[in-house]
C-alpha atoms as a PDB file:
ATOM      1  CA  UNK A   1      93.576  74.180  85.404  1.00  0.00           C
ATOM      2  CA  UNK A   2      93.750  77.921  85.628  1.00  0.00           C
ATOM      3  CA  UNK A   3      96.589  78.876  87.991  1.00  0.00           C
ATOM      4  CA  UNK A   4      95.739  81.049  91.077  1.00  0.00           C
ATOM      5  CA  UNK A   5      97.774  83.337  92.667  1.00  0.00           C
ATOM      6  CA  UNK A   6     100.286  82.668  95.571  1.00  0.00           C
ATOM      7  CA  UNK A   7     100.645  84.235  98.600  1.00  0.00           C
ATOM      8  CA  UNK A   8     103.845  85.043 100.922  1.00  0.00           C
ATOM      9  CA  UNK A   9     104.316  86.650 104.320  1.00  0.00           C
ATOM     10  CA  UNK A  10     106.905  87.592 106.554  1.00  0.00           C
ATOM     11  CA  UNK A  11     108.357  88.695 109.827  1.00  0.00           C
ATOM     12  CA  UNK A  12     111.132  90.605 111.324  1.00  0.00           C
ATOM     13  CA  UNK A  13     112.474  91.973 114.700  1.00  0.00           C
ATOM     14  CA  UNK A  14     115.252  94.413 114.030  1.00  0.00           C
ATOM     15  CA  UNK A  15     116.784  97.948 114.284  1.00  0.00           C
ATOM     16  CA  UNK A  16     115.935 100.430 111.715  1.00  0.00           C
ATOM     17  CA  UNK A  17     118.595 101.516 109.553  1.00  0.00           C
ATOM     18  CA  UNK A  18     118.525 104.033 106.406  1.00  0.00           C
ATOM     19  CA  UNK A  19     115.641 105.614 107.268  1.00  0.00           C
ATOM     20  CA  UNK A  20     117.413 109.146 107.728  1.00  0.00           C
ATOM     21  CA  UNK A  21     118.559 108.921 104.233  1.00  0.00           C
ATOM     22  CA  UNK A  22     116.851 111.595 101.890  1.00  0.00           C
ATOM     23  CA  UNK A  23     116.178 108.877  99.387  1.00  0.00           C
ATOM     24  CA  UNK A  24     114.138 106.789 102.036  1.00  0.00           C
ATOM     25  CA  UNK A  25     111.010 108.578 101.045  1.00  0.00           C
ATOM     26  CA  UNK A  26     110.079 109.350  97.556  1.00  0.00           C
ATOM     27  CA  UNK A  27     106.920 110.933  96.029  1.00  0.00           C
ATOM     28  CA  UNK A  28     104.884 112.341  93.137  1.00  0.00           C
ATOM     29  CA  UNK A  29     101.682 112.561  91.215  1.00  0.00           C
ATOM     30  CA  UNK A  30     100.621 110.002  88.800  1.00  0.00           C
ATOM     31  CA  UNK A  31      97.195 110.464  86.708  1.00  0.00           C
ATOM     32  CA  UNK A  32      94.400 111.236  89.426  1.00  0.00           C
ATOM     33  CA  UNK A  33      96.276 110.404  92.435  1.00  0.00           C
ATOM     34  CA  UNK A  34      99.429 111.326  94.680  1.00  0.00           C
ATOM     35  CA  UNK A  35     101.546 108.309  95.869  1.00  0.00           C
ATOM     36  CA  UNK A  36     104.556 107.912  98.643  1.00  0.00           C
ATOM     37  CA  UNK A  37     107.115 105.295  98.942  1.00  0.00           C
ATOM     38  CA  UNK A  38     109.208 104.440 101.983  1.00  0.00           C
ATOM     39  CA  UNK A  39     112.405 102.478 101.935  1.00  0.00           C
ATOM     40  CA  UNK A  40     114.468 101.520 104.885  1.00  0.00           C
ATOM     41  CA  UNK A  41     116.386  98.127 106.437  1.00  0.00           C
ATOM     42  CA  UNK A  42     115.959  96.276 109.462  1.00  0.00           C
ATOM     43  CA  UNK A  43     118.995  95.172 110.707  1.00  0.00           C
ATOM     44  CA  UNK A  44     119.078  91.762 112.519  1.00  0.00           C
ATOM     45  CA  UNK A  45     122.659  91.314 112.859  1.00  0.00           C
ATOM     46  CA  UNK A  46     125.734  92.654 112.371  1.00  0.00           C
ATOM     47  CA  UNK A  47     125.765  91.711 109.044  1.00  0.00           C
ATOM     48  CA  UNK A  48     122.473  90.626 107.910  1.00  0.00           C
ATOM     49  CA  UNK A  49     119.217  93.120 106.708  1.00  0.00           C
ATOM     50  CA  UNK A  50     115.601  92.818 105.666  1.00  0.00           C
ATOM     51  CA  UNK A  51     114.791  95.546 103.454  1.00  0.00           C
ATOM     52  CA  UNK A  52     111.093  96.784 103.740  1.00  0.00           C
ATOM     53  CA  UNK A  53     109.129  99.143 101.929  1.00  0.00           C
ATOM     54  CA  UNK A  54     105.727 100.549 101.714  1.00  0.00           C
ATOM     55  CA  UNK A  55     103.810 102.672  98.588  1.00  0.00           C
ATOM     56  CA  UNK A  56     100.466 104.385  99.445  1.00  0.00           C
ATOM     57  CA  UNK A  57      98.515 106.155  96.935  1.00  0.00           C
ATOM     58  CA  UNK A  58      95.934 108.900  97.730  1.00  0.00           C
ATOM     59  CA  UNK A  59      92.815 109.079  95.733  1.00  0.00           C
ATOM     60  CA  UNK A  60      89.743 111.200  95.839  1.00  0.00           C
ATOM     61  CA  UNK A  61      87.557 108.132  96.554  1.00  0.00           C
ATOM     62  CA  UNK A  62      88.431 104.608  97.854  1.00  0.00           C
ATOM     63  CA  UNK A  63      86.301 101.567  97.495  1.00  0.00           C
ATOM     64  CA  UNK A  64      85.133 100.340 101.195  1.00  0.00           C
ATOM     65  CA  UNK A  65      84.460  96.385 101.258  1.00  0.00           C
ATOM     66  CA  UNK A  66      82.266  94.043 104.160  1.00  0.00           C
ATOM     67  CA  UNK A  67      84.667  92.735 106.235  1.00  0.00           C
ATOM     68  CA  UNK A  68      83.800  89.076 105.077  1.00  0.00           C
ATOM     69  CA  UNK A  69      83.804  87.026 102.329  1.00  0.00           C
ATOM     70  CA  UNK A  70      85.423  87.126  98.768  1.00  0.00           C
ATOM     71  CA  UNK A  71      86.115  90.587  97.694  1.00  0.00           C
ATOM     72  CA  UNK A  72      85.075  89.751  94.031  1.00  0.00           C
ATOM     73  CA  UNK A  73      81.721  88.648  95.505  1.00  0.00           C
ATOM     74  CA  UNK A  74      81.417  91.475  97.964  1.00  0.00           C
ATOM     75  CA  UNK A  75      79.362  94.864  97.282  1.00  0.00           C
ATOM     76  CA  UNK A  76      81.448  97.745  98.017  1.00  0.00           C
ATOM     77  CA  UNK A  77      80.626 101.543  98.270  1.00  0.00           C
ATOM     78  CA  UNK A  78      82.836 104.532  97.125  1.00  0.00           C
ATOM     79  CA  UNK A  79      83.867 106.547 100.217  1.00  0.00           C
ATOM     80  CA  UNK A  80      85.511 109.988 100.085  1.00  0.00           C
ATOM     81  CA  UNK A  81      89.178 110.010 101.416  1.00  0.00           C
ATOM     82  CA  UNK A  82      88.646 112.285 104.179  1.00  0.00           C
ATOM     83  CA  UNK A  83      85.839 110.400 105.243  1.00  0.00           C
ATOM     84  CA  UNK A  84      87.474 107.300 105.828  1.00  0.00           C
ATOM     85  CA  UNK A  85      88.310 106.993 109.302  1.00  0.00           C
ATOM     86  CA  UNK A  86      84.721 106.601 109.991  1.00  0.00           C
ATOM     87  CA  UNK A  87      84.911 103.101 108.341  1.00  0.00           C
ATOM     88  CA  UNK A  88      87.923 102.251 110.189  1.00  0.00           C
ATOM     89  CA  UNK A  89      86.154  99.477 112.193  1.00  0.00           C
ATOM     90  CA  UNK A  90      85.393  95.229 112.117  1.00  0.00           C
ATOM     91  CA  UNK A  91      82.694  95.690 110.162  1.00  0.00           C
ATOM     92  CA  UNK A  92      84.610  96.913 106.765  1.00  0.00           C
ATOM     93  CA  UNK A  93      87.634  96.125 104.882  1.00  0.00           C
ATOM     94  CA  UNK A  94      89.741  98.784 103.230  1.00  0.00           C
ATOM     95  CA  UNK A  95      92.721  98.022 101.242  1.00  0.00           C
ATOM     96  CA  UNK A  96      96.257  98.705 101.936  1.00  0.00           C
ATOM     97  CA  UNK A  97      95.552  99.506 105.663  1.00  0.00           C
ATOM     98  CA  UNK A  98      98.380  99.416 107.999  1.00  0.00           C
ATOM     99  CA  UNK A  99      98.615  98.592 111.618  1.00  0.00           C
ATOM    100  CA  UNK A 100     101.369 100.963 113.782  1.00  0.00           C
ATOM    101  CA  UNK A 101     102.175 100.879 117.465  1.00  0.00           C
ATOM    102  CA  UNK A 102     105.699 102.618 118.133  1.00  0.00           C
ATOM    103  CA  UNK A 103     104.696 105.202 120.661  1.00  0.00           C
ATOM    104  CA  UNK A 104     103.492 102.603 123.439  1.00  0.00           C
ATOM    105  CA  UNK A 105      99.795 103.901 122.040  1.00  0.00           C
ATOM    106  CA  UNK A 106      96.915 101.813 124.206  1.00  0.00           C
ATOM    107  CA  UNK A 107      95.708 100.703 120.859  1.00  0.00           C
ATOM    108  CA  UNK A 108      96.803 100.020 117.156  1.00  0.00           C
ATOM    109  CA  UNK A 109      97.029 103.262 115.203  1.00  0.00           C
ATOM    110  CA  UNK A 110      94.868 102.128 111.705  1.00  0.00           C
ATOM    111  CA  UNK A 111      95.819 104.116 108.981  1.00  0.00           C
ATOM    112  CA  UNK A 112      95.898 103.952 104.902  1.00  0.00           C
ATOM    113  CA  UNK A 113      99.164 103.266 103.796  1.00  0.00           C
ATOM    114  CA  UNK A 114      99.667 106.709 102.181  1.00  0.00           C
ATOM    115  CA  UNK A 115      99.001 108.519 105.484  1.00  0.00           C
ATOM    116  CA  UNK A 116     100.929 105.509 107.521  1.00  0.00           C
ATOM    117  CA  UNK A 117     104.603 106.710 105.536  1.00  0.00           C
ATOM    118  CA  UNK A 118     103.722 110.361 106.594  1.00  0.00           C
ATOM    119  CA  UNK A 119     103.359 109.132 110.263  1.00  0.00           C
ATOM    120  CA  UNK A 120     106.691 106.644 110.394  1.00  0.00           C
ATOM    121  CA  UNK A 121     108.859 108.997 108.745  1.00  0.00           C
ATOM    122  CA  UNK A 122     107.773 111.723 111.377  1.00  0.00           C
ATOM    123  CA  UNK A 123     107.940 109.057 114.469  1.00  0.00           C
ATOM    124  CA  UNK A 124     110.260 106.225 113.639  1.00  0.00           C
ATOM    125  CA  UNK A 125     114.017 106.697 113.883  1.00  0.00           C
ATOM    126  CA  UNK A 126     117.152 104.846 113.036  1.00  0.00           C
ATOM    127  CA  UNK A 127     118.480 102.554 115.922  1.00  0.00           C
ATOM    128  CA  UNK A 128     114.489 102.085 117.121  1.00  0.00           C
ATOM    129  CA  UNK A 129     113.915  98.074 117.646  1.00  0.00           C
ATOM    130  CA  UNK A 130     110.800  97.020 115.654  1.00  0.00           C
ATOM    131  CA  UNK A 131     108.877  94.230 114.894  1.00  0.00           C
ATOM    132  CA  UNK A 132     107.521  94.343 111.054  1.00  0.00           C
ATOM    133  CA  UNK A 133     105.065  91.620 109.659  1.00  0.00           C
ATOM    134  CA  UNK A 134     103.902  92.094 106.221  1.00  0.00           C
ATOM    135  CA  UNK A 135     103.564  90.477 102.681  1.00  0.00           C
ATOM    136  CA  UNK A 136     106.291  89.005 100.553  1.00  0.00           C
ATOM    137  CA  UNK A 137     106.157  89.793  96.692  1.00  0.00           C
ATOM    138  CA  UNK A 138     108.471  87.833  94.618  1.00  0.00           C
ATOM    139  CA  UNK A 139     108.708  89.514  90.716  1.00  0.00           C
ATOM    140  CA  UNK A 140     110.397  89.318  87.673  1.00  0.00           C
ATOM    141  CA  UNK A 141     112.311  92.619  86.870  1.00  0.00           C
ATOM    142  CA  UNK A 142     113.587  93.238  83.651  1.00  0.00           C
ATOM    143  CA  UNK A 143     114.876  89.346  83.876  1.00  0.00           C
ATOM    144  CA  UNK A 144     116.114  89.620  87.345  1.00  0.00           C
ATOM    145  CA  UNK A 145     113.955  87.696  90.341  1.00  0.00           C
ATOM    146  CA  UNK A 146     113.625  90.002  93.566  1.00  0.00           C
ATOM    147  CA  UNK A 147     111.874  89.871  96.747  1.00  0.00           C
ATOM    148  CA  UNK A 148     109.974  92.733  97.976  1.00  0.00           C
ATOM    149  CA  UNK A 149     108.928  92.818 101.639  1.00  0.00           C
ATOM    150  CA  UNK A 150     105.799  95.132 102.097  1.00  0.00           C
ATOM    151  CA  UNK A 151     105.080  96.230 105.602  1.00  0.00           C
ATOM    152  CA  UNK A 152     101.193  95.765 106.603  1.00  0.00           C
ATOM    153  CA  UNK A 153     101.860  96.183 110.422  1.00  0.00           C
ATOM    154  CA  UNK A 154     104.401  97.728 112.508  1.00  0.00           C
ATOM    155  CA  UNK A 155     105.093  97.505 116.467  1.00  0.00           C
ATOM    156  CA  UNK A 156     107.963  99.157 118.976  1.00  0.00           C
ATOM    157  CA  UNK A 157     110.021  95.974 120.513  1.00  0.00           C
ATOM    158  CA  UNK A 158     112.441  95.561 123.343  1.00  0.00           C
ATOM    159  CA  UNK A 159     115.977  96.376 122.473  1.00  0.00           C
ATOM    160  CA  UNK A 160     118.238  93.681 121.114  1.00  0.00           C
ATOM    161  CA  UNK A 161     122.120  93.254 121.415  1.00  0.00           C
ATOM    162  CA  UNK A 162     123.702  91.425 118.413  1.00  0.00           C
ATOM    163  CA  UNK A 163     126.579  90.417 120.649  1.00  0.00           C
ATOM    164  CA  UNK A 164     124.298  88.472 123.434  1.00  0.00           C
ATOM    165  CA  UNK A 165     125.043  84.885 123.462  1.00  0.00           C
ATOM    166  CA  UNK A 166     121.034  84.276 123.822  1.00  0.00           C
ATOM    167  CA  UNK A 167     120.562  86.746 120.583  1.00  0.00           C
ATOM    168  CA  UNK A 168     119.018  84.705 117.911  1.00  0.00           C
ATOM    169  CA  UNK A 169     118.159  86.463 114.520  1.00  0.00           C
ATOM    170  CA  UNK A 170     114.287  86.687 113.903  1.00  0.00           C
ATOM    171  CA  UNK A 171     113.510  86.865 110.061  1.00  0.00           C
ATOM    172  CA  UNK A 172     110.906  84.642 108.906  1.00  0.00           C
ATOM    173  CA  UNK A 173     108.952  84.220 105.736  1.00  0.00           C
ATOM    174  CA  UNK A 174     106.110  81.401 104.376  1.00  0.00           C
ATOM    175  CA  UNK A 175     105.724  81.412 100.923  1.00  0.00           C
ATOM    176  CA  UNK A 176     103.091  79.134  98.604  1.00  0.00           C
ATOM    177  CA  UNK A 177     104.645  77.960  95.906  1.00  0.00           C
ATOM    178  CA  UNK A 178     104.258  75.115  92.948  1.00  0.00           C
ATOM    179  CA  UNK A 179     106.649  72.537  93.150  1.00  0.00           C
ATOM    180  CA  UNK A 180     108.711  71.772  90.421  1.00  0.00           C
ATOM    181  CA  UNK A 181     111.681  69.804  91.653  1.00  0.00           C
ATOM    182  CA  UNK A 182     114.285  69.149  94.318  1.00  0.00           C
ATOM    183  CA  UNK A 183     118.074  68.604  93.741  1.00  0.00           C
ATOM    184  CA  UNK A 184     121.196  68.482  95.477  1.00  0.00           C
ATOM    185  CA  UNK A 185     123.814  71.398  94.688  1.00  0.00           C
ATOM    186  CA  UNK A 186     126.367  71.411  97.034  1.00  0.00           C
ATOM    187  CA  UNK A 187     127.638  68.843  99.738  1.00  0.00           C
ATOM    188  CA  UNK A 188     125.555  70.250 102.555  1.00  0.00           C
ATOM    189  CA  UNK A 189     122.975  72.189 100.116  1.00  0.00           C
ATOM    190  CA  UNK A 190     119.815  71.789  98.015  1.00  0.00           C
ATOM    191  CA  UNK A 191     117.429  73.823  95.811  1.00  0.00           C
ATOM    192  CA  UNK A 192     113.968  73.504  95.651  1.00  0.00           C
ATOM    193  CA  UNK A 193     112.764  74.917  92.530  1.00  0.00           C
ATOM    194  CA  UNK A 194     109.453  76.156  92.328  1.00  0.00           C
ATOM    195  CA  UNK A 195     107.114  78.215  90.353  1.00  0.00           C
ATOM    196  CA  UNK A 196     105.272  81.607  91.838  1.00  0.00           C
ATOM    197  CA  UNK A 197     102.639  83.098  90.149  1.00  0.00           C
ATOM    198  CA  UNK A 198     102.806  86.779  89.847  1.00  0.00           C
ATOM    199  CA  UNK A 199     100.892  89.746  88.136  1.00  0.00           C
ATOM    200  CA  UNK A 200     101.669  91.599  85.253  1.00  0.00           C
ATOM    201  CA  UNK A 201     100.038  94.324  82.799  1.00  0.00           C
ATOM    202  CA  UNK A 202      98.818  91.711  80.509  1.00  0.00           C
ATOM    203  CA  UNK A 203      97.545  89.461  83.228  1.00  0.00           C
ATOM    204  CA  UNK A 204      99.193  86.642  85.421  1.00  0.00           C
ATOM    205  CA  UNK A 205     102.012  84.213  84.976  1.00  0.00           C
ATOM    206  CA  UNK A 206     104.125  81.759  86.626  1.00  0.00           C
ATOM    207  CA  UNK A 207     107.896  82.629  87.098  1.00  0.00           C
ATOM    208  CA  UNK A 208     110.835  80.227  88.392  1.00  0.00           C
ATOM    209  CA  UNK A 209     111.941  81.016  91.975  1.00  0.00           C
ATOM    210  CA  UNK A 210     114.549  79.080  93.898  1.00  0.00           C
ATOM    211  CA  UNK A 211     114.393  78.186  97.781  1.00  0.00           C
ATOM    212  CA  UNK A 212     117.536  76.823  99.653  1.00  0.00           C
ATOM    213  CA  UNK A 213     117.595  73.763 101.974  1.00  0.00           C
ATOM    214  CA  UNK A 214     120.478  73.276 104.093  1.00  0.00           C
ATOM    215  CA  UNK A 215     121.528  69.848 105.316  1.00  0.00           C
ATOM    216  CA  UNK A 216     121.994  69.684 109.043  1.00  0.00           C
ATOM    217  CA  UNK A 217     121.638  66.785 111.642  1.00  0.00           C
ATOM    218  CA  UNK A 218     117.961  67.596 112.495  1.00  0.00           C
ATOM    219  CA  UNK A 219     116.436  67.943 108.873  1.00  0.00           C
ATOM    220  CA  UNK A 220     117.239  64.950 107.035  1.00  0.00           C
ATOM    221  CA  UNK A 221     113.550  63.803 107.038  1.00  0.00           C
ATOM    222  CA  UNK A 222     112.649  66.870 105.476  1.00  0.00           C
ATOM    223  CA  UNK A 223     115.183  66.377 102.654  1.00  0.00           C
ATOM    224  CA  UNK A 224     113.834  62.894 102.115  1.00  0.00           C
ATOM    225  CA  UNK A 225     110.608  64.185 102.122  1.00  0.00           C
ATOM    226  CA  UNK A 226     111.104  66.809  99.460  1.00  0.00           C
ATOM    227  CA  UNK A 227     113.510  64.387  97.472  1.00  0.00           C
ATOM    228  CA  UNK A 228     111.059  61.690  97.147  1.00  0.00           C
ATOM    229  CA  UNK A 229     107.451  62.137  98.179  1.00  0.00           C
ATOM    230  CA  UNK A 230     106.418  65.539  96.739  1.00  0.00           C
ATOM    231  CA  UNK A 231     104.995  65.466  93.012  1.00  0.00           C
ATOM    232  CA  UNK A 232     105.462  68.035  90.577  1.00  0.00           C
ATOM    233  CA  UNK A 233     102.862  70.558  90.217  1.00  0.00           C
ATOM    234  CA  UNK A 234     101.656  70.093  93.839  1.00  0.00           C
ATOM    235  CA  UNK A 235     100.879  73.483  95.601  1.00  0.00           C
ATOM    236  CA  UNK A 236     102.716  73.859  98.748  1.00  0.00           C
ATOM    237  CA  UNK A 237     103.512  76.083 101.610  1.00  0.00           C
ATOM    238  CA  UNK A 238     107.424  76.596 102.483  1.00  0.00           C
ATOM    239  CA  UNK A 239     108.309  78.430 105.787  1.00  0.00           C
ATOM    240  CA  UNK A 240     111.981  79.497 107.207  1.00  0.00           C
ATOM    241  CA  UNK A 241     114.502  81.914 107.632  1.00  0.00           C
ATOM    242  CA  UNK A 242     115.214  85.414 105.616  1.00  0.00           C
ATOM    243  CA  UNK A 243     119.179  85.323 104.989  1.00  0.00           C
ATOM    244  CA  UNK A 244     120.082  88.619 103.543  1.00  0.00           C
ATOM    245  CA  UNK A 245     123.439  89.188 104.377  1.00  0.00           C
ATOM    246  CA  UNK A 246     127.192  89.781 103.362  1.00  0.00           C
ATOM    247  CA  UNK A 247     130.050  87.539 104.545  1.00  0.00           C
ATOM    248  CA  UNK A 248     132.317  89.567 107.265  1.00  0.00           C
ATOM    249  CA  UNK A 249     135.461  88.556 109.359  1.00  0.00           C
ATOM    250  CA  UNK A 250     137.192  90.116 112.241  1.00  0.00           C
ATOM    251  CA  UNK A 251     140.697  91.521 111.833  1.00  0.00           C
ATOM    252  CA  UNK A 252     143.699  91.589 114.145  1.00  0.00           C
ATOM    253  CA  UNK A 253     142.492  95.155 115.423  1.00  0.00           C
ATOM    254  CA  UNK A 254     139.162  93.443 115.915  1.00  0.00           C
ATOM    255  CA  UNK A 255     136.995  95.506 112.754  1.00  0.00           C
ATOM    256  CA  UNK A 256     134.598  93.686 111.114  1.00  0.00           C
ATOM    257  CA  UNK A 257     135.375  93.742 107.669  1.00  0.00           C
ATOM    258  CA  UNK A 258     133.649  92.145 104.565  1.00  0.00           C
ATOM    259  CA  UNK A 259     135.155  89.175 102.744  1.00  0.00           C
ATOM    260  CA  UNK A 260     132.565  88.685 100.188  1.00  0.00           C
ATOM    261  CA  UNK A 261     129.449  89.731  97.899  1.00  0.00           C
ATOM    262  CA  UNK A 262     126.263  89.968  99.557  1.00  0.00           C
ATOM    263  CA  UNK A 263     123.995  86.856  99.734  1.00  0.00           C
ATOM    264  CA  UNK A 264     120.281  86.543  99.344  1.00  0.00           C
ATOM    265  CA  UNK A 265     118.413  83.303 100.227  1.00  0.00           C
ATOM    266  CA  UNK A 266     115.507  82.363 101.694  1.00  0.00           C
ATOM    267  CA  UNK A 267     115.963  79.158 103.547  1.00  0.00           C
ATOM    268  CA  UNK A 268     113.415  76.497 103.892  1.00  0.00           C
ATOM    269  CA  UNK A 269     113.247  74.574 107.352  1.00  0.00           C
ATOM    270  CA  UNK A 270     109.384  73.214 106.905  1.00  0.00           C
ATOM    271  CA  UNK A 271     106.050  73.241 105.163  1.00  0.00           C
ATOM    272  CA  UNK A 272     103.038  71.773 104.219  1.00  0.00           C
ATOM    273  CA  UNK A 273     101.177  70.417 100.954  1.00  0.00           C
ATOM    274  CA  UNK A 274      98.012  72.607 100.106  1.00  0.00           C
ATOM    275  CA  UNK A 275      96.976  70.423  97.201  1.00  0.00           C
ATOM    276  CA  UNK A 276      99.088  67.497  95.763  1.00  0.00           C
ATOM    277  CA  UNK A 277      99.695  67.424  92.216  1.00  0.00           C
ATOM    278  CA  UNK A 278      97.142  70.615  91.484  1.00  0.00           C
ATOM    279  CA  UNK A 279      99.103  71.969  88.044  1.00  0.00           C
ATOM    280  CA  UNK A 280     100.210  70.073  85.091  1.00  0.00           C
ATOM    281  CA  UNK A 281     103.116  71.468  82.899  1.00  0.00           C
ATOM    282  CA  UNK A 282     100.937  72.681  80.677  1.00  0.00           C
ATOM    283  CA  UNK A 283      99.279  74.908  83.201  1.00  0.00           C
ATOM    284  CA  UNK A 284     102.268  76.582  84.022  1.00  0.00           C
ATOM    285  CA  UNK A 285     102.457  78.112  80.848  1.00  0.00           C
ATOM    286  CA  UNK A 286     101.788  82.206  80.439  1.00  0.00           C
ATOM    287  CA  UNK A 287      98.065  82.588  80.822  1.00  0.00           C
ATOM    288  CA  UNK A 288      95.428  84.827  82.580  1.00  0.00           C
ATOM    289  CA  UNK A 289      94.145  83.849  85.952  1.00  0.00           C
ATOM    290  CA  UNK A 290      91.759  84.763  88.604  1.00  0.00           C
ATOM    291  CA  UNK A 291      92.169  86.224  91.719  1.00  0.00           C
ATOM    292  CA  UNK A 292      94.380  89.071  92.674  1.00  0.00           C
ATOM    293  CA  UNK A 293      97.752  88.694  94.798  1.00  0.00           C
ATOM    294  CA  UNK A 294      96.885  91.727  96.894  1.00  0.00           C
ATOM    295  CA  UNK A 295      94.083  90.567  98.885  1.00  0.00           C
ATOM    296  CA  UNK A 296      93.986  89.861 102.461  1.00  0.00           C
ATOM    297  CA  UNK A 297      95.258  86.741 103.862  1.00  0.00           C
ATOM    298  CA  UNK A 298      92.096  84.235 104.335  1.00  0.00           C
ATOM    299  CA  UNK A 299      93.689  80.983 103.435  1.00  0.00           C
ATOM    300  CA  UNK A 300      93.295  78.096 106.364  1.00  0.00           C
ATOM    301  CA  UNK A 301      96.292  76.605 106.638  1.00  0.00           C
ATOM    302  CA  UNK A 302      96.403  72.758 106.875  1.00  0.00           C
ATOM    303  CA  UNK A 303      97.919  70.715 109.584  1.00  0.00           C
ATOM    304  CA  UNK A 304     101.170  68.631 108.054  1.00  0.00           C
ATOM    305  CA  UNK A 305     101.593  65.045 109.458  1.00  0.00           C
ATOM    306  CA  UNK A 306     105.131  65.104 110.229  1.00  0.00           C
ATOM    307  CA  UNK A 307     107.291  67.844 112.373  1.00  0.00           C
ATOM    308  CA  UNK A 308     108.353  69.937 109.176  1.00  0.00           C
ATOM    309  CA  UNK A 309     104.591  70.201 108.440  1.00  0.00           C
ATOM    310  CA  UNK A 310     104.317  68.249 105.642  1.00  0.00           C
END
């Protein structure tokens, strides 16, 4: 069976940091387009962050699709960049559009990612509390597996206080993954071994990615299910918490000090089986696949049969 792209999404609420850095926005030109890249952090606790980014390109003309159906099957028209605002309606689908509302506007501002970078750089500030939703891209960079969290929408949010006893971290992900295995790696820690389909210049391939599951009193059913009831090659969708943090402690003077190296984990708390035993071992060998991992989310979420979604 031909491999199909796997999709990932995230949501985080936190405080903007790093936007004032001179390195937060980079730009240049490549062939027949101009490009910009925006990068900054979302602080979700005293020692935890989600680093987000947005890449935008400006070309003379842009493909505009009908709003429904698969992109490959849709007819499209070429529109001049300066005419795009006329096509920002429910009738059309324009790739790389970003929704923004950070100034208490009566309705969302919808912009191409290139223009959105300029707007956010001028109107968003370190210290602002925001809610961000977007796509998660897991990729292989020179043999190192990395996660990228790309902005698709951004909104102002009520101020938060990390020291409030009622505060809890809001940094979530969902990700389609091909199930490979599940194994205990520590007393209360398990690894979910999976394959993520990524795009490369030569086509698409499946790369390994390991999620974490922590044992607690309320997820023994989840661990049992992952251990015994999901088969190799099944396409599943997992969800859980983004844990990117630096271990800290408080010294005698009441100051927070770092006591270890940074930790990056995607911690699974539940999920659902999309298609059991969809792929064989041979299917996971490198090959060209159909579809694009950059399409809009048009999947149907299937209901699970237990409290963890499976």
